[in-house]
Protein backbone atom coordinates (compact mmCIF):
# COMPACT_ATOMS: atom_id res chain seq x y z
CA MET A 1 1.60 17.37 15.97
CA ARG A 2 3.51 20.48 14.81
CA ARG A 3 6.51 18.27 13.93
CA THR A 4 4.28 15.93 11.95
CA ASN A 5 2.54 18.74 10.09
CA THR A 6 5.91 20.28 9.25
CA TRP A 7 7.07 16.92 7.89
CA ILE A 8 3.95 16.52 5.74
CA ALA A 9 4.38 20.01 4.33
CA ALA A 10 8.04 19.36 3.60
CA LEU A 11 7.28 16.05 1.95
CA ALA A 12 4.51 17.52 -0.18
CA VAL A 13 6.84 20.29 -1.31
CA GLY A 14 9.54 17.74 -2.02
CA ILE A 15 7.28 15.44 -4.02
CA LEU A 16 5.65 18.19 -6.05
CA GLY A 17 8.91 20.09 -6.40
CA ASN A 18 10.51 17.06 -8.00
CA LEU A 19 7.65 17.02 -10.50
CA ALA A 20 8.07 20.67 -11.46
CA ILE A 21 11.06 19.96 -13.69
CA LEU A 22 9.35 17.34 -15.81
CA ALA A 23 9.25 19.71 -18.79
CA ALA A 24 12.64 18.84 -20.29
CA PRO A 25 13.80 20.31 -23.62
CA ALA A 26 12.06 18.66 -26.55
CA GLY A 27 15.29 17.26 -27.98
CA ALA A 28 16.59 15.84 -24.69
CA GLN A 29 17.74 12.24 -24.91
CA ALA A 30 17.55 9.73 -22.06
CA PRO A 31 21.01 8.55 -20.98
CA ALA A 32 22.17 5.06 -21.88
CA TRP A 33 20.60 3.07 -19.08
CA PRO A 34 20.75 0.45 -17.65
CA THR A 35 24.37 -0.52 -18.01
CA ARG A 36 24.22 -3.40 -15.49
CA THR A 37 21.88 -5.37 -13.23
CA VAL A 38 18.88 -3.44 -11.88
CA LYS A 39 17.67 -4.21 -8.36
CA PHE A 40 14.19 -3.80 -6.86
CA ILE A 41 14.25 -3.90 -3.04
CA VAL A 42 10.92 -5.19 -1.68
CA PRO A 43 9.98 -4.64 2.00
CA PHE A 44 8.32 -8.08 2.30
CA GLY A 45 9.30 -11.69 2.03
CA PRO A 46 8.75 -13.87 -1.06
CA GLY A 47 5.11 -14.47 -1.93
CA ALA A 48 3.71 -11.17 -0.65
CA GLY A 49 1.59 -9.14 -3.06
CA ALA A 50 4.29 -6.51 -3.67
CA ASP A 51 6.88 -9.27 -4.15
CA ILE A 52 4.72 -10.98 -6.77
CA GLY A 53 4.09 -7.70 -8.59
CA GLY A 54 7.74 -6.78 -8.48
CA ARG A 55 8.78 -10.11 -9.95
CA LEU A 56 6.20 -9.92 -12.74
CA PHE A 57 7.42 -6.51 -13.81
CA ALA A 58 11.06 -7.49 -13.34
CA GLU A 59 10.66 -10.41 -15.72
CA ARG A 60 9.29 -8.19 -18.51
CA LEU A 61 11.60 -5.25 -17.84
CA SER A 62 14.70 -7.42 -18.02
CA LYS A 63 13.77 -8.19 -21.64
CA ILE A 64 13.10 -4.54 -22.45
CA TRP A 65 16.30 -3.33 -20.79
CA GLY A 66 18.58 -6.15 -21.87
CA GLN A 67 19.89 -6.44 -18.31
CA PRO A 68 18.87 -8.66 -15.37
CA VAL A 69 16.29 -7.18 -12.99
CA VAL A 70 16.51 -8.88 -9.61
CA ILE A 71 14.31 -8.76 -6.53
CA GLU A 72 15.95 -8.37 -3.15
CA ASN A 73 13.58 -9.11 -0.27
CA LYS A 74 14.20 -7.04 2.86
CA PRO A 75 11.31 -7.68 5.26
CA GLY A 76 11.18 -6.39 8.81
CA GLY A 77 11.17 -3.17 10.78
CA ASN A 78 7.84 -2.02 9.36
CA SER A 79 9.57 -1.46 5.97
CA ILE A 80 12.42 0.57 7.49
CA VAL A 81 14.93 -2.24 6.81
CA ALA A 82 14.15 -2.07 3.09
CA ILE A 83 14.10 1.73 2.99
CA GLN A 84 17.50 1.97 4.67
CA ALA A 85 18.94 -0.64 2.30
CA PHE A 86 17.61 1.31 -0.69
CA LEU A 87 18.84 4.70 0.51
CA GLY A 88 22.15 3.24 1.63
CA ALA A 89 22.82 1.83 -1.85
CA ASN A 90 22.73 5.37 -3.30
CA ASP A 91 22.71 3.83 -6.76
CA ASP A 92 20.76 4.71 -9.91
CA HIS A 93 20.28 1.00 -10.62
CA THR A 94 18.64 0.26 -7.23
CA PHE A 95 15.02 1.11 -6.42
CA LEU A 96 12.39 0.47 -3.77
CA PHE A 97 9.30 -1.43 -4.95
CA GLY A 98 6.35 -1.64 -2.59
CA PRO A 99 3.25 -0.02 -1.08
CA SER A 100 3.41 3.61 -0.02
CA GLY A 101 1.00 2.92 2.85
CA ASN A 102 3.70 1.10 4.77
CA PHE A 103 5.77 4.22 5.30
CA THR A 104 3.18 6.98 4.89
CA VAL A 105 2.42 6.45 8.58
CA HIS A 106 6.03 6.39 9.81
CA PRO A 107 6.09 10.02 10.98
CA PHE A 108 3.01 9.33 13.09
CA ILE A 109 4.13 6.09 14.74
CA TYR A 110 7.78 6.96 15.36
CA SER A 111 8.81 9.96 17.45
CA LYS A 112 12.19 9.92 15.67
CA LEU A 113 12.84 8.58 12.15
CA SER A 114 16.10 6.98 11.06
CA TYR A 115 15.74 8.29 7.47
CA ASP A 116 14.56 11.38 5.65
CA PRO A 117 11.23 10.63 3.90
CA THR A 118 11.86 13.37 1.34
CA ASP A 119 14.72 11.25 -0.05
CA LEU A 120 12.08 8.83 -1.42
CA VAL A 121 10.73 10.01 -4.76
CA PRO A 122 7.64 8.38 -6.36
CA MET A 123 8.54 7.27 -9.88
CA VAL A 124 5.97 4.82 -11.20
CA ARG A 125 2.65 3.67 -9.81
CA ALA A 126 2.41 -0.01 -10.72
CA SER A 127 -0.78 -1.36 -9.15
CA ASN A 128 -3.43 -1.06 -6.48
CA THR A 129 -3.68 -3.71 -3.80
CA ILE A 130 -7.31 -4.59 -3.13
CA LEU A 131 -8.09 -4.22 0.57
CA ALA A 132 -11.05 -5.91 2.19
CA VAL A 133 -12.92 -6.37 5.46
CA ALA A 134 -13.88 -9.92 6.41
CA VAL A 135 -15.92 -11.56 9.17
CA LYS A 136 -16.68 -15.15 10.17
CA ALA A 137 -18.72 -16.99 7.55
CA ASP A 138 -21.65 -17.65 9.89
CA ALA A 139 -21.65 -14.18 11.48
CA PRO A 140 -25.14 -12.64 11.54
CA TYR A 141 -24.01 -9.62 9.54
CA SER A 142 -23.26 -9.46 5.84
CA ASN A 143 -22.41 -5.80 5.26
CA VAL A 144 -20.70 -2.91 7.01
CA LYS A 145 -23.91 -1.42 8.40
CA GLU A 146 -24.92 -4.67 10.08
CA PHE A 147 -21.43 -5.22 11.45
CA THR A 148 -21.25 -1.66 12.78
CA GLU A 149 -24.60 -1.99 14.53
CA ALA A 150 -23.58 -5.29 16.10
CA ALA A 151 -20.26 -3.90 17.33
CA ARG A 152 -21.93 -0.80 18.72
CA LYS A 153 -24.35 -2.92 20.74
CA ALA A 154 -21.51 -4.92 22.28
CA PRO A 155 -18.78 -2.40 23.23
CA GLY A 156 -15.46 -3.96 24.12
CA THR A 157 -16.40 -7.49 23.08
CA PHE A 158 -15.27 -7.33 19.43
CA SER A 159 -11.62 -7.70 18.47
CA SER A 160 -9.80 -7.13 15.20
CA GLY A 161 -6.78 -8.23 13.18
CA LEU A 162 -5.34 -5.38 11.12
CA VAL A 163 -2.38 -5.00 8.78
CA GLN A 164 0.13 -2.52 10.14
CA GLY A 165 0.35 0.86 8.50
CA ILE A 166 -2.33 2.80 6.70
CA THR A 167 -4.78 -0.13 6.94
CA GLU A 168 -4.93 -0.01 10.73
CA PHE A 169 -5.11 3.81 10.76
CA THR A 170 -8.07 3.65 8.39
CA PHE A 171 -9.86 1.13 10.61
CA TRP A 172 -9.14 3.22 13.71
CA GLY A 173 -10.64 6.24 11.96
CA TYR A 174 -13.77 4.26 11.06
CA ALA A 175 -14.14 2.95 14.63
CA HIS A 176 -13.73 6.45 16.05
CA HIS A 177 -16.25 7.91 13.61
CA GLU A 178 -18.81 5.22 14.41
CA LYS A 179 -18.06 5.33 18.18
CA LEU A 180 -17.05 1.66 18.33
CA GLN A 181 -14.90 -0.02 20.97
CA ILE A 182 -13.02 -2.76 19.10
CA THR A 183 -9.84 -4.20 20.57
CA GLN A 184 -6.94 -4.71 18.16
CA VAL A 185 -5.08 -8.00 18.54
CA PRO A 186 -1.38 -7.57 17.62
CA TYR A 187 -0.14 -10.07 15.03
CA ARG A 188 3.48 -10.76 14.26
CA ASP A 189 2.25 -12.57 11.14
CA ILE A 190 -1.00 -11.09 9.83
CA ASN A 191 -1.65 -14.27 7.81
CA VAL A 192 -2.70 -15.90 11.09
CA ALA A 193 -5.53 -13.41 11.60
CA PRO A 194 -7.93 -14.88 8.98
CA VAL A 195 -7.45 -18.31 10.56
CA ASP A 196 -8.34 -16.89 13.97
CA LEU A 197 -11.31 -15.14 12.40
CA GLY A 198 -12.59 -18.40 10.95
CA GLU A 199 -12.25 -20.02 14.37
CA GLY A 200 -14.14 -17.18 16.05
CA ARG A 201 -11.23 -15.94 18.16
CA ILE A 202 -11.55 -12.46 16.64
CA GLN A 203 -14.52 -10.80 14.96
CA VAL A 204 -13.09 -8.84 12.02
CA VAL A 205 -10.02 -8.63 9.79
CA MET A 206 -9.00 -5.78 7.53
CA SER A 207 -6.17 -6.63 5.17
CA SER A 208 -5.28 -7.16 1.55
CA LEU A 209 -7.68 -9.40 -0.35
CA ALA A 210 -4.82 -11.82 -0.94
CA ILE A 211 -4.42 -12.43 2.81
CA VAL A 212 -8.08 -13.33 3.37
CA GLN A 213 -8.63 -15.20 0.09
CA PRO A 214 -7.59 -18.70 1.28
CA GLN A 215 -10.04 -18.67 4.21
CA THR A 216 -12.72 -17.06 2.06
CA THR A 217 -12.32 -19.76 -0.58
CA ALA A 218 -12.48 -22.40 2.14
CA GLY A 219 -15.82 -20.99 3.28
CA ARG A 220 -14.64 -20.11 6.80
CA ILE A 221 -14.90 -16.33 6.43
CA LYS A 222 -16.76 -13.90 4.18
CA LEU A 223 -16.14 -10.43 2.81
CA ILE A 224 -18.43 -7.59 3.84
CA THR A 225 -16.75 -4.81 1.87
CA LEU A 226 -13.82 -3.68 -0.26
CA ASN A 227 -11.93 -0.59 0.88
CA ASN A 228 -10.79 0.68 -2.53
CA LYS A 229 -12.60 3.35 -4.50
CA THR A 230 -13.85 0.92 -7.12
CA ARG A 231 -15.00 -2.68 -7.15
CA ALA A 232 -12.55 -5.44 -8.05
CA PRO A 233 -12.99 -8.31 -10.54
CA ALA A 234 -11.31 -10.58 -7.99
CA ALA A 235 -14.28 -10.09 -5.63
CA PRO A 236 -17.37 -9.83 -7.84
CA GLY A 237 -20.50 -8.64 -6.11
CA VAL A 238 -18.75 -7.17 -3.07
CA ALA A 239 -19.68 -3.49 -2.66
CA THR A 240 -17.13 -0.86 -1.68
CA ALA A 241 -17.23 0.88 1.70
CA ARG A 242 -18.23 4.17 0.09
CA GLU A 243 -21.06 2.47 -1.82
CA GLN A 244 -22.30 1.17 1.52
CA GLY A 245 -22.21 4.62 3.09
CA PHE A 246 -18.96 4.26 5.07
CA PRO A 247 -16.35 6.49 3.36
CA SER A 248 -14.23 6.43 6.54
CA LEU A 249 -13.24 2.87 5.56
CA GLU A 250 -12.04 3.87 2.10
CA VAL A 251 -8.32 3.52 1.36
CA GLU A 252 -6.26 2.74 -1.72
CA GLY A 253 -3.39 0.26 -1.58
CA LEU A 254 -0.84 2.10 -3.72
CA VAL A 255 2.10 0.02 -4.96
CA GLY A 256 4.92 1.32 -7.09
CA LEU A 257 8.54 2.15 -7.70
CA PHE A 258 10.48 4.73 -5.69
CA GLY A 259 13.82 6.25 -6.60
CA LEU A 260 16.29 8.71 -5.16
CA LYS A 261 15.55 12.43 -5.36
CA THR A 262 18.71 12.74 -7.47
CA THR A 263 17.23 10.53 -10.23
CA PRO A 264 17.31 12.46 -13.53
CA GLU A 265 13.90 13.34 -14.98
CA ALA A 266 14.78 11.74 -18.31
CA LEU A 267 15.45 8.45 -16.53
CA LYS A 268 12.16 8.69 -14.61
CA GLU A 269 10.28 9.15 -17.87
CA LYS A 270 12.12 6.26 -19.53
CA ILE A 271 11.34 3.88 -16.65
CA PHE A 272 7.68 4.93 -16.64
CA ALA A 273 7.43 4.34 -20.39
CA ASP A 274 9.06 0.94 -20.01
CA PHE A 275 6.65 -0.05 -17.21
CA ARG A 276 3.78 0.82 -19.55
CA ALA A 277 5.33 -1.27 -22.29
CA ALA A 278 5.78 -4.19 -19.89
CA ALA A 279 2.09 -4.03 -18.95
CA ALA A 280 0.78 -3.54 -22.49
CA ASP A 281 -0.17 -7.11 -23.39
CA GLY A 282 -2.32 -7.67 -20.28
CA ALA A 283 -0.46 -10.75 -19.02
CA ILE A 284 0.77 -9.03 -15.85
CA ALA A 285 -2.73 -7.70 -15.16
CA GLU A 286 -4.21 -11.19 -15.33
CA ARG A 287 -1.64 -12.64 -12.99
CA LEU A 288 -2.00 -9.76 -10.53
CA LYS A 289 -5.78 -10.17 -10.48
CA ALA A 290 -5.38 -13.68 -9.09
CA THR A 291 -3.51 -12.23 -6.11
CA GLY A 292 -6.02 -9.50 -5.32
CA GLN A 293 -4.27 -6.68 -7.16
CA VAL A 294 -5.28 -4.41 -10.02
CA ILE A 295 -2.70 -3.13 -12.48
CA ASN A 296 -2.72 0.65 -12.59
CA VAL A 297 0.43 2.00 -14.19
CA GLY A 298 0.85 5.73 -13.74
CA GLY A 299 3.57 8.32 -13.89
CA ALA A 300 5.42 10.18 -11.16
CA LYS A 301 2.88 13.01 -10.95
CA GLU A 302 -0.12 10.68 -10.62
CA PHE A 303 1.67 8.55 -8.05
CA ALA A 304 2.78 11.58 -6.02
CA GLU A 305 -0.73 13.07 -6.00
CA ALA A 306 -2.25 9.78 -4.83
CA ILE A 307 0.31 9.52 -2.03
CA ALA A 308 -0.34 13.13 -1.00
CA GLU A 309 -4.05 12.30 -0.70
CA GLN A 310 -3.16 9.25 1.37
CA GLN A 311 -1.02 11.37 3.71
CA THR A 312 -3.79 13.93 4.15
CA ASN A 313 -6.24 11.20 5.15
CA VAL A 314 -3.81 9.70 7.66
CA ALA A 315 -3.16 13.14 9.18
CA ALA A 316 -6.90 13.69 9.59
CA THR A 317 -7.29 10.35 11.35
CA VAL A 318 -4.34 11.04 13.64
CA LYS A 319 -5.91 14.35 14.63
CA ALA A 320 -9.38 12.85 15.10
CA ILE A 321 -8.23 10.03 17.38
CA ASN A 322 -5.54 12.15 19.07
CA PHE A 323 -2.92 9.51 18.29
CA LYS A 324 0.49 9.99 19.93
CA PRO A 325 3.60 8.08 18.85
CA PRO A 326 5.22 5.96 21.56
CA GLN A 327 8.25 7.63 23.11
């Protein structure tokens, strides 16, 4: 735990330290950029929420920048494949685009990391992925309280399908807090979990809204809560976990752009301003909404602070459940 705490402290210092030099001279000019193709590396395959968001922004940014913006999908390795490809490029025209929750947990689940997390610098928050908890459509519970009571009365008989990363840590924290014994079923492809839920093979799924939407629309499963801080237009009428009295289930799906720690501050500010311009007409927001995402463009400081809060919550869960990384 001392190693993990040291890493969190170092990362927090690194993130906030990189923000300390934002106050550039008033007359400073951003360098001529881009001068060639810009690449966004996405840690998922085509069609994933982050991939869709990346492509929507890439389309608009290519017009603003006058250069192609391409998506390179690098799924696998719990996002480490994409991170290594991004860091290995060591290029000011190559960035990582994806959710912070995928690698926020890396120091807790790996006893030894193959990269230095402080080399990843938050640049632009792009959107929030809506996360949700779903159960079988005909289950006798329609909210978190009823589900919790049912699971507590039947210890060891409920099983779950959870997205790897911060989503599963959040669910583990909730189960620990409520003294529930729920077995996690490992999924190579989490998209199978909602199907199993609809068939009654598992009792609960916690994932992005996009993953459970097809089975929800088909009437095979139903949502009992959203995990984000605020309600989402894509799921009208579904109360948040905090509104239902279960703050341990609250988590934000933060998606954005990451650069190298050597990225000049003027370039960071330019890219942030251009992301805002790309999102200004609302078209990207409408298209994201259909995939269970909410546009939420923010600068490096906002993004870094949100990630720091995410890391603090994960650390608290790790301590509470006494989680040890496999050796």
